[in-house]
Amino acid sequence: MGGSPFAVKDGSRRTTFAPVPEHARMQPSPPRLGMFDFNAEGRISPTLPASRMGMDFVWRGHAVTTSLVASDAGGGGTMVLSARAGRVPSSARAPDARPDAFKLLRHLPALLPEHWSINLCADHSLRIEARLPVEMPAHVKDLLVPAVRFCLEAAPILDLLAENMMGTQA
């Protein structure tokens, strides 16, 4: 075969393959698992930067939603954690509790950790949310540890709301 590792004899004809130049070689794509790409160091990043990547779970009767959002500028991302924390008492069920509930809601933001907020929704439900910066690509621990910390730090807030007739109600 002429000594060339790129020559192949196929029946009566001979085919020669030229070596592929370095710049034209395909680079292996990063391993992918669902919506995550993994790099050589084991860090993960969203496959599609605009897609919602996260997990949903129930903790102490509260639905918790987590999302990892990559920055358009690259280099960083935001971990968004949120949970329905309760509801302002109904004027039909507990009219005397409403003034105290709104007073507590005015003071509650001062008790929240950094990067946290509490929102009063149109249906008078309460939602707590944390927006935490995350280095991208991230390690899996960078996604799980904030979710656990969010739940643990939310516990006293949920207890305070429950004690003031604003715990989770149907």
C-alpha atoms as a PDB file:
ATOM      1  CA  MET A   1       0.000   0.000   0.000  1.00  0.00           C
ATOM      2  CA  GLY A   2       2.900   2.286  -0.663  1.00  0.00           C
ATOM      3  CA  GLY A   3       3.839   2.648   3.001  1.00  0.00           C
ATOM      4  CA  SER A   4       1.225   5.352   3.602  1.00  0.00           C
ATOM      5  CA  PRO A   5      -1.084   4.749   6.562  1.00  0.00           C
ATOM      6  CA  PHE A   6      -3.769   6.593   4.632  1.00  0.00           C
ATOM      7  CA  ALA A   7      -3.843   4.353   1.542  1.00  0.00           C
ATOM      8  CA  VAL A   8      -6.482   1.664   1.259  1.00  0.00           C
ATOM      9  CA  LYS A   9      -6.662  -0.949  -1.487  1.00  0.00           C
ATOM     10  CA  ASP A  10     -10.260  -1.667  -2.326  1.00  0.00           C
ATOM     11  CA  GLY A  11     -10.554  -4.430  -4.929  1.00  0.00           C
ATOM     12  CA  SER A  12      -9.078  -3.142  -8.155  1.00  0.00           C
ATOM     13  CA  ARG A  13      -8.781   0.495  -7.181  1.00  0.00           C
ATOM     14  CA  ARG A  14      -6.624   2.298  -4.722  1.00  0.00           C
ATOM     15  CA  THR A  15      -7.930   5.172  -2.536  1.00  0.00           C
ATOM     16  CA  THR A  16      -5.590   7.562  -0.787  1.00  0.00           C
ATOM     17  CA  PHE A  17      -6.679   9.701   2.136  1.00  0.00           C
ATOM     18  CA  ALA A  18      -4.790  12.854   2.957  1.00  0.00           C
ATOM     19  CA  PRO A  19      -4.219  13.664   6.624  1.00  0.00           C
ATOM     20  CA  VAL A  20      -6.751  16.142   8.037  1.00  0.00           C
ATOM     21  CA  PRO A  21      -5.122  19.464   8.935  1.00  0.00           C
ATOM     22  CA  GLU A  22      -5.201  20.344  12.663  1.00  0.00           C
ATOM     23  CA  HIS A  23      -7.517  23.353  12.172  1.00  0.00           C
ATOM     24  CA  ALA A  24     -10.085  21.221  10.331  1.00  0.00           C
ATOM     25  CA  ARG A  25     -10.299  18.406  12.876  1.00  0.00           C
ATOM     26  CA  MET A  26     -13.533  18.130  14.784  1.00  0.00           C
ATOM     27  CA  GLN A  27     -13.200  18.935  18.446  1.00  0.00           C
ATOM     28  CA  PRO A  28     -15.077  16.546  20.694  1.00  0.00           C
ATOM     29  CA  SER A  29     -18.270  18.103  21.992  1.00  0.00           C
ATOM     30  CA  PRO A  30     -18.612  18.320  25.760  1.00  0.00           C
ATOM     31  CA  PRO A  31     -20.486  15.478  27.397  1.00  0.00           C
ATOM     32  CA  ARG A  32     -24.160  16.329  27.786  1.00  0.00           C
ATOM     33  CA  LEU A  33     -26.661  15.158  30.369  1.00  0.00           C
ATOM     34  CA  GLY A  34     -30.147  16.478  29.778  1.00  0.00           C
ATOM     35  CA  MET A  35     -29.929  20.260  29.827  1.00  0.00           C
ATOM     36  CA  PHE A  36     -26.352  20.322  31.132  1.00  0.00           C
ATOM     37  CA  ASP A  37     -22.984  20.363  29.351  1.00  0.00           C
ATOM     38  CA  PHE A  38     -20.008  19.076  31.355  1.00  0.00           C
ATOM     39  CA  ASN A  39     -16.463  20.345  30.863  1.00  0.00           C
ATOM     40  CA  ALA A  40     -13.189  18.455  31.513  1.00  0.00           C
ATOM     41  CA  GLU A  41     -13.137  19.601  35.178  1.00  0.00           C
ATOM     42  CA  GLY A  42     -16.627  18.262  35.815  1.00  0.00           C
ATOM     43  CA  ARG A  43     -18.292  21.684  35.909  1.00  0.00           C
ATOM     44  CA  ILE A  44     -21.715  22.095  34.354  1.00  0.00           C
ATOM     45  CA  SER A  45     -23.384  24.842  32.386  1.00  0.00           C
ATOM     46  CA  PRO A  46     -26.754  25.165  30.646  1.00  0.00           C
ATOM     47  CA  THR A  47     -26.905  23.644  27.182  1.00  0.00           C
ATOM     48  CA  LEU A  48     -29.099  26.529  26.048  1.00  0.00           C
ATOM     49  CA  PRO A  49     -28.443  29.738  28.006  1.00  0.00           C
ATOM     50  CA  ALA A  50     -32.059  30.903  27.742  1.00  0.00           C
ATOM     51  CA  SER A  51     -33.554  27.626  28.959  1.00  0.00           C
ATOM     52  CA  ARG A  52     -34.814  27.060  32.496  1.00  0.00           C
ATOM     53  CA  MET A  53     -32.721  24.499  34.250  1.00  0.00           C
ATOM     54  CA  GLY A  54     -33.633  23.522  37.721  1.00  0.00           C
ATOM     55  CA  MET A  55     -35.588  21.279  39.981  1.00  0.00           C
ATOM     56  CA  ASP A  56     -38.847  21.413  41.862  1.00  0.00           C
ATOM     57  CA  PHE A  57     -39.464  19.738  45.204  1.00  0.00           C
ATOM     58  CA  VAL A  58     -41.697  19.992  48.259  1.00  0.00           C
ATOM     59  CA  TRP A  59     -40.201  20.880  51.621  1.00  0.00           C
ATOM     60  CA  ARG A  60     -42.322  21.216  54.782  1.00  0.00           C
ATOM     61  CA  GLY A  61     -45.434  21.377  52.617  1.00  0.00           C
ATOM     62  CA  HIS A  62     -44.056  24.204  50.473  1.00  0.00           C
ATOM     63  CA  ALA A  63     -43.337  23.839  46.765  1.00  0.00           C
ATOM     64  CA  VAL A  64     -39.759  25.003  46.143  1.00  0.00           C
ATOM     65  CA  THR A  65     -38.611  25.885  42.631  1.00  0.00           C
ATOM     66  CA  THR A  66     -34.962  26.271  41.664  1.00  0.00           C
ATOM     67  CA  SER A  67     -33.626  27.590  38.371  1.00  0.00           C
ATOM     68  CA  LEU A  68     -30.131  28.166  37.069  1.00  0.00           C
ATOM     69  CA  VAL A  69     -29.953  30.998  34.583  1.00  0.00           C
ATOM     70  CA  ALA A  70     -26.735  31.646  32.658  1.00  0.00           C
ATOM     71  CA  SER A  71     -25.736  35.243  32.070  1.00  0.00           C
ATOM     72  CA  ASP A  72     -25.902  36.468  28.476  1.00  0.00           C
ATOM     73  CA  ALA A  73     -22.501  38.078  28.983  1.00  0.00           C
ATOM     74  CA  GLY A  74     -20.991  34.758  30.090  1.00  0.00           C
ATOM     75  CA  GLY A  75     -18.808  34.035  33.056  1.00  0.00           C
ATOM     76  CA  GLY A  76     -21.548  33.884  35.640  1.00  0.00           C
ATOM     77  CA  GLY A  77     -25.081  32.929  36.323  1.00  0.00           C
ATOM     78  CA  THR A  78     -27.907  33.283  38.812  1.00  0.00           C
ATOM     79  CA  MET A  79     -29.484  30.604  40.944  1.00  0.00           C
ATOM     80  CA  VAL A  80     -33.120  31.556  41.559  1.00  0.00           C
ATOM     81  CA  LEU A  81     -34.877  29.784  44.430  1.00  0.00           C
ATOM     82  CA  SER A  82     -38.484  30.472  45.327  1.00  0.00           C
ATOM     83  CA  ALA A  83     -41.250  29.032  47.460  1.00  0.00           C
ATOM     84  CA  ARG A  84     -44.846  29.836  48.208  1.00  0.00           C
ATOM     85  CA  ALA A  85     -44.601  30.897  51.822  1.00  0.00           C
ATOM     86  CA  GLY A  86     -48.213  31.418  52.784  1.00  0.00           C
ATOM     87  CA  ARG A  87     -51.118  33.748  52.301  1.00  0.00           C
ATOM     88  CA  VAL A  88     -52.500  36.923  53.814  1.00  0.00           C
ATOM     89  CA  PRO A  89     -55.628  36.023  55.830  1.00  0.00           C
ATOM     90  CA  SER A  90     -58.898  36.458  53.989  1.00  0.00           C
ATOM     91  CA  SER A  91     -61.126  39.323  55.059  1.00  0.00           C
ATOM     92  CA  ALA A  92     -64.031  36.831  55.046  1.00  0.00           C
ATOM     93  CA  ARG A  93     -62.281  34.308  57.340  1.00  0.00           C
ATOM     94  CA  ALA A  94     -60.117  36.440  59.616  1.00  0.00           C
ATOM     95  CA  PRO A  95     -60.784  40.171  59.129  1.00  0.00           C
ATOM     96  CA  ASP A  96     -59.126  41.089  62.446  1.00  0.00           C
ATOM     97  CA  ALA A  97     -55.847  39.388  61.431  1.00  0.00           C
ATOM     98  CA  ARG A  98     -55.342  41.354  58.200  1.00  0.00           C
ATOM     99  CA  PRO A  99     -53.971  44.622  59.671  1.00  0.00           C
ATOM    100  CA  ASP A 100     -51.376  42.715  61.712  1.00  0.00           C
ATOM    101  CA  ALA A 101     -50.500  40.594  58.683  1.00  0.00           C
ATOM    102  CA  PHE A 102     -49.795  43.644  56.520  1.00  0.00           C
ATOM    103  CA  LYS A 103     -47.824  45.252  59.343  1.00  0.00           C
ATOM    104  CA  LEU A 104     -45.643  42.136  59.576  1.00  0.00           C
ATOM    105  CA  LEU A 105     -45.167  42.117  55.797  1.00  0.00           C
ATOM    106  CA  ARG A 106     -43.859  45.689  55.901  1.00  0.00           C
ATOM    107  CA  HIS A 107     -41.154  44.685  58.419  1.00  0.00           C
ATOM    108  CA  LEU A 108     -40.341  41.235  57.038  1.00  0.00           C
ATOM    109  CA  PRO A 109     -37.842  42.318  54.323  1.00  0.00           C
ATOM    110  CA  ALA A 110     -35.441  43.537  57.034  1.00  0.00           C
ATOM    111  CA  LEU A 111     -35.312  39.976  58.436  1.00  0.00           C
ATOM    112  CA  LEU A 112     -34.454  38.330  55.139  1.00  0.00           C
ATOM    113  CA  PRO A 113     -30.930  37.252  54.175  1.00  0.00           C
ATOM    114  CA  GLU A 114     -28.990  39.134  51.490  1.00  0.00           C
ATOM    115  CA  HIS A 115     -30.320  38.608  47.936  1.00  0.00           C
ATOM    116  CA  TRP A 116     -33.760  37.530  49.275  1.00  0.00           C
ATOM    117  CA  SER A 117     -37.150  39.142  48.748  1.00  0.00           C
ATOM    118  CA  ILE A 118     -40.747  38.472  49.680  1.00  0.00           C
ATOM    119  CA  ASN A 119     -43.520  39.200  47.220  1.00  0.00           C
ATOM    120  CA  LEU A 120     -47.231  39.637  47.764  1.00  0.00           C
ATOM    121  CA  CYS A 121     -48.980  38.152  44.733  1.00  0.00           C
ATOM    122  CA  ALA A 122     -52.298  39.313  43.280  1.00  0.00           C
ATOM    123  CA  ASP A 123     -54.150  36.435  44.953  1.00  0.00           C
ATOM    124  CA  HIS A 124     -52.619  37.517  48.326  1.00  0.00           C
ATOM    125  CA  SER A 125     -50.290  34.530  48.424  1.00  0.00           C
ATOM    126  CA  LEU A 126     -46.743  35.165  49.612  1.00  0.00           C
ATOM    127  CA  ARG A 127     -43.649  34.063  47.719  1.00  0.00           C
ATOM    128  CA  ILE A 128     -40.108  34.181  49.077  1.00  0.00           C
ATOM    129  CA  GLU A 129     -37.310  34.300  46.550  1.00  0.00           C
ATOM    130  CA  ALA A 130     -33.519  34.292  46.580  1.00  0.00           C
ATOM    131  CA  ARG A 131     -31.356  35.308  43.603  1.00  0.00           C
ATOM    132  CA  LEU A 132     -27.822  34.082  44.217  1.00  0.00           C
ATOM    133  CA  PRO A 133     -24.788  34.603  41.978  1.00  0.00           C
ATOM    134  CA  VAL A 134     -23.194  31.370  40.694  1.00  0.00           C
ATOM    135  CA  GLU A 135     -19.865  30.975  38.921  1.00  0.00           C
ATOM    136  CA  MET A 136     -20.335  29.347  35.523  1.00  0.00           C
ATOM    137  CA  PRO A 137     -19.712  26.675  34.605  1.00  0.00           C
ATOM    138  CA  ALA A 138     -20.847  25.427  38.015  1.00  0.00           C
ATOM    139  CA  HIS A 139     -20.185  22.299  40.053  1.00  0.00           C
ATOM    140  CA  VAL A 140     -23.219  20.228  41.008  1.00  0.00           C
ATOM    141  CA  LYS A 141     -22.549  21.191  44.645  1.00  0.00           C
ATOM    142  CA  ASP A 142     -22.961  24.838  43.597  1.00  0.00           C
ATOM    143  CA  LEU A 143     -26.560  23.977  42.706  1.00  0.00           C
ATOM    144  CA  LEU A 144     -27.514  21.649  45.545  1.00  0.00           C
ATOM    145  CA  VAL A 145     -25.956  23.489  48.496  1.00  0.00           C
ATOM    146  CA  PRO A 146     -27.889  26.753  47.826  1.00  0.00           C
ATOM    147  CA  ALA A 147     -31.163  24.779  47.609  1.00  0.00           C
ATOM    148  CA  VAL A 148     -30.524  23.135  50.994  1.00  0.00           C
ATOM    149  CA  ARG A 149     -29.388  26.441  52.527  1.00  0.00           C
ATOM    150  CA  PHE A 150     -32.492  28.178  51.149  1.00  0.00           C
ATOM    151  CA  CYS A 151     -34.747  25.626  52.854  1.00  0.00           C
ATOM    152  CA  LEU A 152     -32.912  25.867  56.168  1.00  0.00           C
ATOM    153  CA  GLU A 153     -32.833  29.681  56.157  1.00  0.00           C
ATOM    154  CA  ALA A 154     -36.498  29.851  55.128  1.00  0.00           C
ATOM    155  CA  ALA A 155     -37.620  27.746  58.126  1.00  0.00           C
ATOM    156  CA  PRO A 156     -37.805  30.599  60.684  1.00  0.00           C
ATOM    157  CA  ILE A 157     -39.579  32.831  58.159  1.00  0.00           C
ATOM    158  CA  LEU A 158     -42.161  30.123  57.452  1.00  0.00           C
ATOM    159  CA  ASP A 159     -42.607  29.583  61.208  1.00  0.00           C
ATOM    160  CA  LEU A 160     -43.118  33.323  61.780  1.00  0.00           C
ATOM    161  CA  LEU A 161     -45.730  33.465  59.027  1.00  0.00           C
ATOM    162  CA  ALA A 162     -47.533  30.397  60.396  1.00  0.00           C
ATOM    163  CA  GLU A 163     -47.593  31.890  63.912  1.00  0.00           C
ATOM    164  CA  ASN A 164     -49.223  35.009  62.459  1.00  0.00           C
ATOM    165  CA  MET A 165     -51.983  33.167  60.572  1.00  0.00           C
ATOM    166  CA  MET A 166     -50.160  33.439  57.234  1.00  0.00           C
ATOM    167  CA  GLY A 167     -48.851  29.879  56.905  1.00  0.00           C
ATOM    168  CA  THR A 168     -49.728  27.785  53.876  1.00  0.00           C
ATOM    169  CA  GLN A 169     -53.479  27.750  53.398  1.00  0.00           C
ATOM    170  CA  ALA A 170     -55.507  26.251  50.594  1.00  0.00           C
END
